[in-house]
Amino acid sequence: MAIIATEQGGVVDSPSAKSDRKIPTLSWQQVRAIRDRFAALKPYDRTIIPGSILKIDAENYQRETDIQIQLYCHSIAAKRYALLAGDRADLRKSLAHGLGYLLSPIDAE
């Protein structure tokens, strides 16, 4: 699951040049509140696995200071995406699951 969120919430412009649609976003505080509410649904022993079943990935935080930063996502499918930060040139994470039938993950060269 991916949630569109900004520090303050509100709306953002659609990234599509063909659309003038506004996309509603949650605030980072609202996302943390949702994550915390899911903690009550966790079926695991809370003394062994604390916290929520939903997580906020480490890529959402500045590496040196652990301060949350704004990320941007380019996605073509659920497990085929790239997360970018800052000026969108800072690649934080990329996944290409489901491409094994096109390119062997074992011998990527």
Protein backbone atom coordinates (compact mmCIF):
# COMPACT_ATOMS: atom_id res chain seq x y z
CA MET A 1 0.00 0.00 0.00
CA ALA A 2 1.25 3.48 -0.77
CA ILE A 3 -0.25 6.60 0.72
CA ILE A 4 0.08 9.99 -0.92
CA ALA A 5 1.13 12.38 1.82
CA THR A 6 2.87 15.70 2.28
CA GLU A 7 4.09 17.34 5.44
CA GLN A 8 0.95 19.48 5.80
CA GLY A 9 -1.54 17.45 3.71
CA GLY A 10 -3.98 19.14 1.33
CA VAL A 11 -3.87 18.70 -2.43
CA VAL A 12 -1.16 18.37 -5.07
CA ASP A 13 -1.34 18.79 -8.82
CA SER A 14 -1.57 15.69 -10.97
CA PRO A 15 1.82 14.87 -12.50
CA SER A 16 0.12 14.05 -15.80
CA ALA A 17 0.41 16.76 -18.43
CA LYS A 18 -3.01 15.64 -19.69
CA SER A 19 -4.78 16.34 -16.41
CA ASP A 20 -5.47 19.44 -14.36
CA ARG A 21 -6.83 17.23 -11.56
CA LYS A 22 -5.94 17.92 -7.94
CA ILE A 23 -4.97 14.88 -5.84
CA PRO A 24 -5.95 14.91 -2.15
CA THR A 25 -3.13 14.05 0.27
CA LEU A 26 -2.89 13.19 3.94
CA SER A 27 -0.48 14.91 6.30
CA TRP A 28 2.47 12.98 7.71
CA GLN A 29 0.80 13.25 11.13
CA GLN A 30 -2.41 11.64 9.77
CA VAL A 31 -0.36 8.80 8.24
CA ARG A 32 1.36 8.12 11.57
CA ALA A 33 -2.05 8.10 13.32
CA ILE A 34 -3.39 5.53 10.82
CA ARG A 35 -0.28 3.39 11.27
CA ASP A 36 -0.65 3.54 15.06
CA ARG A 37 -4.33 2.50 14.88
CA PHE A 38 -3.35 -0.64 12.95
CA ALA A 39 -1.11 -1.71 15.84
CA ALA A 40 -4.21 -3.02 17.64
CA LEU A 41 -4.86 -5.45 14.76
CA LYS A 42 -1.44 -7.06 14.85
CA PRO A 43 -1.74 -10.83 15.41
CA TYR A 44 1.86 -11.21 16.61
CA ASP A 45 3.24 -11.21 20.15
CA ARG A 46 3.77 -7.50 20.88
CA THR A 47 6.65 -8.22 23.26
CA ILE A 48 8.57 -9.84 20.42
CA ILE A 49 7.41 -7.66 17.50
CA PRO A 50 6.47 -4.18 18.74
CA GLY A 51 4.73 -1.48 16.72
CA SER A 52 2.27 -1.57 13.87
CA ILE A 53 1.83 -4.03 11.02
CA LEU A 54 2.14 -0.97 8.77
CA LYS A 55 5.54 0.64 8.51
CA ILE A 56 6.97 3.86 7.22
CA ASP A 57 10.06 2.89 5.22
CA ALA A 58 13.48 4.22 6.18
CA GLU A 59 13.69 5.88 2.76
CA ASN A 60 11.21 8.47 4.08
CA TYR A 61 13.86 9.88 6.40
CA GLN A 62 17.01 11.90 5.79
CA ARG A 63 19.91 9.52 6.27
CA GLU A 64 22.08 11.75 8.45
CA THR A 65 19.48 13.37 10.72
CA ASP A 66 16.52 10.96 10.70
CA ILE A 67 14.18 13.85 9.79
CA GLN A 68 11.27 12.94 7.51
CA ILE A 69 11.59 14.24 3.95
CA GLN A 70 9.24 14.52 0.97
CA LEU A 71 9.51 11.63 -1.48
CA TYR A 72 8.29 11.34 -5.05
CA CYS A 73 7.28 8.09 -6.70
CA HIS A 74 7.34 6.93 -10.28
CA SER A 75 5.33 3.72 -10.51
CA ILE A 76 4.06 1.49 -13.27
CA ALA A 77 2.80 -1.35 -11.06
CA ALA A 78 2.54 -2.38 -7.41
CA LYS A 79 6.09 -3.72 -7.20
CA ARG A 80 7.66 -1.77 -10.05
CA TYR A 81 8.52 1.70 -8.83
CA ALA A 82 11.22 4.16 -7.89
CA LEU A 83 11.26 6.49 -4.87
CA LEU A 84 13.06 9.79 -5.35
CA ALA A 85 13.89 12.59 -2.92
CA GLY A 86 14.95 16.22 -2.97
CA ASP A 87 15.38 17.50 -6.48
CA ARG A 88 14.09 14.10 -7.66
CA ALA A 89 17.60 13.08 -8.67
CA ASP A 90 18.25 11.32 -5.35
CA LEU A 91 17.13 7.72 -5.94
CA ARG A 92 16.14 6.31 -2.55
CA LYS A 93 14.68 2.93 -3.55
CA SER A 94 13.68 1.04 -6.67
CA LEU A 95 11.89 -2.25 -7.18
CA ALA A 96 11.50 -4.23 -10.38
CA HIS A 97 9.73 -7.37 -9.14
CA GLY A 98 7.97 -9.28 -11.85
CA LEU A 99 10.61 -8.64 -14.50
CA GLY A 100 12.32 -12.03 -14.09
CA TYR A 101 10.66 -13.39 -17.19
CA LEU A 102 12.26 -10.57 -19.20
CA LEU A 103 15.63 -10.30 -17.45
CA SER A 104 17.16 -12.87 -15.14
CA PRO A 105 17.69 -11.38 -11.66
CA ILE A 106 20.57 -13.83 -11.15
CA ASP A 107 22.61 -12.79 -14.18
CA ALA A 108 21.62 -9.14 -14.63
CA GLU A 109 24.46 -8.44 -17.06
